[in-house]
Amino acid sequence: MTTPIPPQSAIPAVDINIPQGTSAPSILKLRHLISSLINEVDSLDRSFVPITEAFFTTECDGIRFYEEVERFEIALIKAALQRTNGHQVRAARLLNLNPSTLNAKIRQYELKHLVV
């Protein structure tokens, strides 16, 4: 026999049946973790490097590709260093980069002040 879980507002309702004897607190903890993860993904999506308005205006002479790539890389590196409290090796691991590659980019973009 299974017990249905009432839907919560932060998580879309899904028809899930939970086996009898499953701890309700553990299910609520799992729902909370899922909700937190969804919120984190949403905030990353909103706060990530925005596309500049110049992409969509007719007055634009074109996209400055390398400048946009540079902005994107700087934003990624700053976010990784922030998340790892300035630890370069952990930030490199987070970005799936070789630490020496990350170090070269930190020097290239003059971000040394963000490293511990």
N, C-alpha and C. Protein backbone atom coordinates (compact mmCIF):
# COMPACT_ATOMS: atom_id res chain seq x y z
N MET A 1 0.85 -1.18 0.00
CA MET A 1 0.00 0.00 0.00
C MET A 1 0.89 1.24 0.00
N THR A 2 0.49 2.28 -0.70
CA THR A 2 1.28 3.50 -0.78
C THR A 2 0.45 4.69 -0.32
N THR A 3 1.18 5.73 0.12
CA THR A 3 0.54 6.96 0.58
C THR A 3 0.93 8.09 -0.35
N PRO A 4 -0.03 8.79 -0.96
CA PRO A 4 0.34 9.90 -1.84
C PRO A 4 0.91 11.07 -1.05
N ILE A 5 1.84 11.79 -1.65
CA ILE A 5 2.44 12.98 -1.03
C ILE A 5 1.69 14.19 -1.53
N PRO A 6 1.23 15.06 -0.62
CA PRO A 6 0.56 16.27 -1.08
C PRO A 6 1.55 17.19 -1.78
N PRO A 7 1.17 17.79 -2.92
CA PRO A 7 2.09 18.69 -3.63
C PRO A 7 2.40 19.94 -2.82
N GLN A 8 3.62 20.44 -2.99
CA GLN A 8 4.03 21.68 -2.35
C GLN A 8 4.13 22.74 -3.42
N SER A 9 3.95 24.00 -3.03
CA SER A 9 3.91 25.07 -4.02
C SER A 9 5.22 25.27 -4.76
N ALA A 10 6.38 25.05 -4.09
CA ALA A 10 7.67 25.30 -4.72
C ALA A 10 8.06 24.21 -5.72
N ILE A 11 7.43 23.05 -5.60
CA ILE A 11 7.76 21.93 -6.47
C ILE A 11 6.53 21.57 -7.28
N PRO A 12 6.67 21.43 -8.58
CA PRO A 12 5.51 21.07 -9.39
C PRO A 12 4.91 19.76 -8.91
N ALA A 13 3.60 19.68 -8.92
CA ALA A 13 2.92 18.48 -8.46
C ALA A 13 3.23 17.32 -9.39
N VAL A 14 3.59 16.20 -8.79
CA VAL A 14 3.88 14.99 -9.53
C VAL A 14 3.12 13.87 -8.86
N ASP A 15 2.55 12.99 -9.65
CA ASP A 15 1.80 11.87 -9.10
C ASP A 15 2.78 10.80 -8.65
N ILE A 16 3.20 10.89 -7.40
CA ILE A 16 4.16 9.94 -6.84
C ILE A 16 3.50 9.24 -5.67
N ASN A 17 3.66 7.95 -5.62
CA ASN A 17 3.18 7.19 -4.48
C ASN A 17 4.38 6.72 -3.68
N ILE A 18 4.34 6.97 -2.38
CA ILE A 18 5.44 6.62 -1.49
C ILE A 18 5.08 5.34 -0.74
N PRO A 19 5.99 4.36 -0.69
CA PRO A 19 5.70 3.12 0.01
C PRO A 19 5.36 3.37 1.48
N GLN A 20 4.41 2.57 1.98
CA GLN A 20 4.00 2.64 3.39
C GLN A 20 5.23 2.43 4.26
N GLY A 21 5.32 3.18 5.35
CA GLY A 21 6.42 3.04 6.28
C GLY A 21 7.58 3.99 6.00
N THR A 22 7.54 4.71 4.88
CA THR A 22 8.59 5.68 4.58
C THR A 22 8.41 6.87 5.51
N SER A 23 9.50 7.34 6.03
CA SER A 23 9.47 8.44 6.99
C SER A 23 9.06 9.75 6.32
N ALA A 24 7.99 10.34 6.82
CA ALA A 24 7.52 11.62 6.28
C ALA A 24 8.57 12.72 6.42
N PRO A 25 9.29 12.81 7.58
CA PRO A 25 10.32 13.86 7.68
C PRO A 25 11.41 13.72 6.62
N SER A 26 11.81 12.48 6.28
CA SER A 26 12.85 12.32 5.26
C SER A 26 12.35 12.76 3.89
N ILE A 27 11.07 12.52 3.63
CA ILE A 27 10.49 12.95 2.35
C ILE A 27 10.42 14.47 2.31
N LEU A 28 10.05 15.08 3.43
CA LEU A 28 9.99 16.55 3.48
C LEU A 28 11.38 17.15 3.33
N LYS A 29 12.40 16.51 3.92
CA LYS A 29 13.78 16.99 3.76
C LYS A 29 14.19 16.90 2.29
N LEU A 30 13.83 15.78 1.65
CA LEU A 30 14.15 15.61 0.24
C LEU A 30 13.46 16.67 -0.61
N ARG A 31 12.19 16.95 -0.32
CA ARG A 31 11.46 18.00 -1.04
C ARG A 31 12.14 19.35 -0.85
N HIS A 32 12.58 19.62 0.39
CA HIS A 32 13.26 20.88 0.67
C HIS A 32 14.56 20.98 -0.12
N LEU A 33 15.33 19.89 -0.16
CA LEU A 33 16.57 19.89 -0.93
C LEU A 33 16.31 20.10 -2.41
N ILE A 34 15.29 19.44 -2.93
CA ILE A 34 14.95 19.61 -4.35
C ILE A 34 14.53 21.05 -4.62
N SER A 35 13.72 21.60 -3.74
CA SER A 35 13.28 22.98 -3.89
C SER A 35 14.47 23.94 -3.86
N SER A 36 15.39 23.70 -2.94
CA SER A 36 16.59 24.54 -2.85
C SER A 36 17.42 24.45 -4.12
N LEU A 37 17.56 23.24 -4.63
CA LEU A 37 18.32 23.04 -5.87
C LEU A 37 17.66 23.76 -7.04
N ILE A 38 16.36 23.66 -7.14
CA ILE A 38 15.63 24.35 -8.21
C ILE A 38 15.82 25.86 -8.10
N ASN A 39 15.72 26.39 -6.88
CA ASN A 39 15.92 27.82 -6.67
C ASN A 39 17.33 28.25 -7.04
N GLU A 40 18.33 27.42 -6.69
CA GLU A 40 19.72 27.74 -7.01
C GLU A 40 19.93 27.77 -8.52
N VAL A 41 19.39 26.79 -9.21
CA VAL A 41 19.51 26.74 -10.67
C VAL A 41 18.83 27.95 -11.30
N ASP A 42 17.64 28.30 -10.80
CA ASP A 42 16.93 29.47 -11.31
C ASP A 42 17.73 30.74 -11.09
N SER A 43 18.34 30.89 -9.90
CA SER A 43 19.10 32.10 -9.62
C SER A 43 20.36 32.16 -10.48
N LEU A 44 20.99 31.02 -10.72
CA LEU A 44 22.16 31.00 -11.60
C LEU A 44 21.76 31.39 -13.01
N ASP A 45 20.62 30.89 -13.45
CA ASP A 45 20.14 31.20 -14.78
C ASP A 45 19.88 32.70 -14.94
N ARG A 46 19.30 33.32 -13.91
CA ARG A 46 18.99 34.76 -13.97
C ARG A 46 20.23 35.62 -13.79
N SER A 47 21.20 35.18 -12.96
CA SER A 47 22.33 36.04 -12.63
C SER A 47 23.53 35.80 -13.52
N PHE A 48 23.45 34.80 -14.41
CA PHE A 48 24.59 34.51 -15.24
C PHE A 48 24.82 35.64 -16.23
N VAL A 49 25.91 35.61 -16.91
CA VAL A 49 26.31 36.69 -17.80
C VAL A 49 25.17 37.02 -18.77
N PRO A 50 24.61 38.21 -18.62
CA PRO A 50 23.49 38.57 -19.49
C PRO A 50 23.97 38.91 -20.90
N ILE A 51 23.11 38.67 -21.85
CA ILE A 51 23.40 39.08 -23.22
C ILE A 51 23.14 40.57 -23.29
N THR A 52 24.08 41.30 -23.84
CA THR A 52 23.93 42.74 -23.91
C THR A 52 22.85 43.13 -24.90
N GLU A 53 22.24 44.27 -24.69
CA GLU A 53 21.19 44.76 -25.58
C GLU A 53 21.71 44.95 -27.00
N ALA A 54 23.02 45.19 -27.14
CA ALA A 54 23.60 45.41 -28.46
C ALA A 54 23.36 44.21 -29.38
N PHE A 55 23.12 43.04 -28.81
CA PHE A 55 22.86 41.87 -29.63
C PHE A 55 21.60 42.04 -30.47
N PHE A 56 20.66 42.83 -29.96
CA PHE A 56 19.35 42.90 -30.57
C PHE A 56 19.04 44.24 -31.22
N THR A 57 19.93 45.20 -31.16
CA THR A 57 19.64 46.50 -31.75
C THR A 57 20.14 46.56 -33.19
N THR A 58 19.47 47.34 -34.00
CA THR A 58 19.87 47.47 -35.40
C THR A 58 21.06 48.42 -35.53
N GLU A 59 21.33 49.22 -34.50
CA GLU A 59 22.44 50.16 -34.55
C GLU A 59 23.79 49.48 -34.34
N CYS A 60 23.77 48.24 -33.92
CA CYS A 60 24.99 47.51 -33.62
C CYS A 60 25.72 47.15 -34.92
N ASP A 61 27.04 47.36 -34.93
CA ASP A 61 27.85 47.01 -36.09
C ASP A 61 28.14 45.51 -36.13
N GLY A 62 27.79 44.81 -35.11
CA GLY A 62 28.06 43.37 -35.01
C GLY A 62 28.45 43.04 -33.58
N ILE A 63 28.53 41.78 -33.34
CA ILE A 63 28.91 41.31 -32.00
C ILE A 63 30.42 41.26 -31.92
N ARG A 64 30.96 41.80 -30.87
CA ARG A 64 32.40 41.72 -30.63
C ARG A 64 32.65 40.40 -29.91
N PHE A 65 32.80 39.35 -30.68
CA PHE A 65 32.85 37.99 -30.18
C PHE A 65 33.89 37.81 -29.07
N TYR A 66 35.11 38.23 -29.30
CA TYR A 66 36.18 37.98 -28.34
C TYR A 66 35.98 38.77 -27.04
N GLU A 67 35.38 39.95 -27.15
CA GLU A 67 35.06 40.71 -25.94
C GLU A 67 33.98 40.00 -25.12
N GLU A 68 33.01 39.41 -25.80
CA GLU A 68 31.95 38.67 -25.11
C GLU A 68 32.51 37.40 -24.48
N VAL A 69 33.41 36.71 -25.18
CA VAL A 69 34.04 35.52 -24.63
C VAL A 69 34.84 35.89 -23.38
N GLU A 70 35.55 37.01 -23.45
CA GLU A 70 36.34 37.48 -22.31
C GLU A 70 35.43 37.78 -21.12
N ARG A 71 34.32 38.47 -21.36
CA ARG A 71 33.37 38.75 -20.27
C ARG A 71 32.85 37.46 -19.65
N PHE A 72 32.55 36.50 -20.51
CA PHE A 72 32.03 35.22 -20.06
C PHE A 72 33.06 34.48 -19.21
N GLU A 73 34.31 34.42 -19.69
CA GLU A 73 35.37 33.75 -18.94
C GLU A 73 35.61 34.42 -17.59
N ILE A 74 35.66 35.74 -17.58
CA ILE A 74 35.89 36.47 -16.32
C ILE A 74 34.78 36.18 -15.34
N ALA A 75 33.53 36.18 -15.81
CA ALA A 75 32.40 35.89 -14.93
C ALA A 75 32.49 34.48 -14.36
N LEU A 76 32.84 33.51 -15.19
CA LEU A 76 32.98 32.13 -14.72
C LEU A 76 34.10 32.00 -13.69
N ILE A 77 35.23 32.62 -13.97
CA ILE A 77 36.37 32.53 -13.06
C ILE A 77 36.05 33.21 -11.73
N LYS A 78 35.45 34.39 -11.78
CA LYS A 78 35.06 35.08 -10.55
C LYS A 78 34.09 34.25 -9.72
N ALA A 79 33.10 33.65 -10.38
CA ALA A 79 32.11 32.84 -9.68
C ALA A 79 32.77 31.62 -9.03
N ALA A 80 33.67 30.98 -9.75
CA ALA A 80 34.35 29.80 -9.21
C ALA A 80 35.24 30.17 -8.03
N LEU A 81 35.97 31.27 -8.16
CA LEU A 81 36.84 31.71 -7.05
C LEU A 81 36.02 32.14 -5.84
N GLN A 82 34.90 32.76 -6.10
CA GLN A 82 34.01 33.16 -5.01
C GLN A 82 33.46 31.93 -4.29
N ARG A 83 33.02 30.95 -5.07
CA ARG A 83 32.44 29.73 -4.50
C ARG A 83 33.48 28.93 -3.70
N THR A 84 34.75 29.01 -4.09
CA THR A 84 35.81 28.25 -3.41
C THR A 84 36.62 29.11 -2.46
N ASN A 85 36.11 30.29 -2.14
CA ASN A 85 36.78 31.22 -1.23
C ASN A 85 38.20 31.55 -1.68
N GLY A 86 38.38 31.67 -2.99
CA GLY A 86 39.66 32.09 -3.54
C GLY A 86 40.69 30.99 -3.72
N HIS A 87 40.31 29.75 -3.49
CA HIS A 87 41.25 28.64 -3.65
C HIS A 87 41.32 28.23 -5.12
N GLN A 88 42.47 28.50 -5.70
CA GLN A 88 42.64 28.36 -7.13
C GLN A 88 42.51 26.91 -7.61
N VAL A 89 43.09 25.96 -6.90
CA VAL A 89 43.04 24.56 -7.33
C VAL A 89 41.60 24.04 -7.30
N ARG A 90 40.86 24.39 -6.24
CA ARG A 90 39.46 23.96 -6.16
C ARG A 90 38.62 24.65 -7.24
N ALA A 91 38.91 25.92 -7.52
CA ALA A 91 38.19 26.64 -8.58
C ALA A 91 38.47 26.00 -9.93
N ALA A 92 39.71 25.61 -10.16
CA ALA A 92 40.07 24.95 -11.42
C ALA A 92 39.31 23.63 -11.55
N ARG A 93 39.24 22.89 -10.46
CA ARG A 93 38.50 21.62 -10.47
C ARG A 93 37.02 21.88 -10.79
N LEU A 94 36.47 22.92 -10.17
CA LEU A 94 35.06 23.27 -10.39
C LEU A 94 34.81 23.63 -11.85
N LEU A 95 35.76 24.29 -12.47
CA LEU A 95 35.63 24.70 -13.88
C LEU A 95 36.11 23.63 -14.85
N ASN A 96 36.60 22.51 -14.29
CA ASN A 96 37.13 21.43 -15.11
C ASN A 96 38.30 21.92 -15.98
N LEU A 97 39.16 22.73 -15.35
CA LEU A 97 40.35 23.25 -16.02
C LEU A 97 41.59 22.74 -15.31
N ASN A 98 42.69 22.74 -16.01
CA ASN A 98 43.98 22.48 -15.40
C ASN A 98 44.31 23.71 -14.55
N PRO A 99 44.83 23.53 -13.33
CA PRO A 99 45.16 24.70 -12.48
C PRO A 99 46.10 25.70 -13.16
N SER A 100 47.02 25.21 -13.97
CA SER A 100 47.93 26.15 -14.64
C SER A 100 47.19 26.98 -15.69
N THR A 101 46.18 26.39 -16.32
CA THR A 101 45.36 27.14 -17.29
C THR A 101 44.58 28.23 -16.57
N LEU A 102 43.99 27.86 -15.44
CA LEU A 102 43.24 28.86 -14.66
C LEU A 102 44.18 29.96 -14.19
N ASN A 103 45.36 29.59 -13.72
CA ASN A 103 46.33 30.59 -13.26
C ASN A 103 46.70 31.55 -14.39
N ALA A 104 46.89 31.03 -15.59
CA ALA A 104 47.22 31.89 -16.73
C ALA A 104 46.09 32.86 -17.04
N LYS A 105 44.85 32.37 -16.95
CA LYS A 105 43.70 33.25 -17.20
C LYS A 105 43.54 34.29 -16.10
N ILE A 106 43.83 33.91 -14.86
CA ILE A 106 43.76 34.86 -13.74
C ILE A 106 44.78 35.98 -13.97
N ARG A 107 45.97 35.61 -14.43
CA ARG A 107 46.97 36.64 -14.73
C ARG A 107 46.57 37.47 -15.95
N GLN A 108 46.05 36.81 -16.97
CA GLN A 108 45.64 37.49 -18.20
C GLN A 108 44.57 38.53 -17.91
N TYR A 109 43.59 38.18 -17.07
CA TYR A 109 42.48 39.08 -16.78
C TYR A 109 42.71 39.90 -15.51
N GLU A 110 43.92 39.82 -14.95
CA GLU A 110 44.30 40.59 -13.76
C GLU A 110 43.32 40.39 -12.60
N LEU A 111 43.08 39.12 -12.27
CA LEU A 111 42.16 38.77 -11.20
C LEU A 111 42.90 38.21 -9.97
N LYS A 112 44.21 38.48 -9.88
CA LYS A 112 45.03 37.96 -8.79
C LYS A 112 44.48 38.34 -7.41
N HIS A 113 43.83 39.50 -7.32
CA HIS A 113 43.28 39.97 -6.04
C HIS A 113 42.18 39.07 -5.49
N LEU A 114 41.64 38.17 -6.33
CA LEU A 114 40.56 37.28 -5.90
C LEU A 114 41.07 35.94 -5.38
N VAL A 115 42.39 35.70 -5.51
CA VAL A 115 42.98 34.43 -5.11
C VAL A 115 43.56 34.54 -3.70
N VAL A 116 43.39 33.45 -2.94
CA VAL A 116 43.94 33.42 -1.58
C VAL A 116 45.43 33.20 -1.65
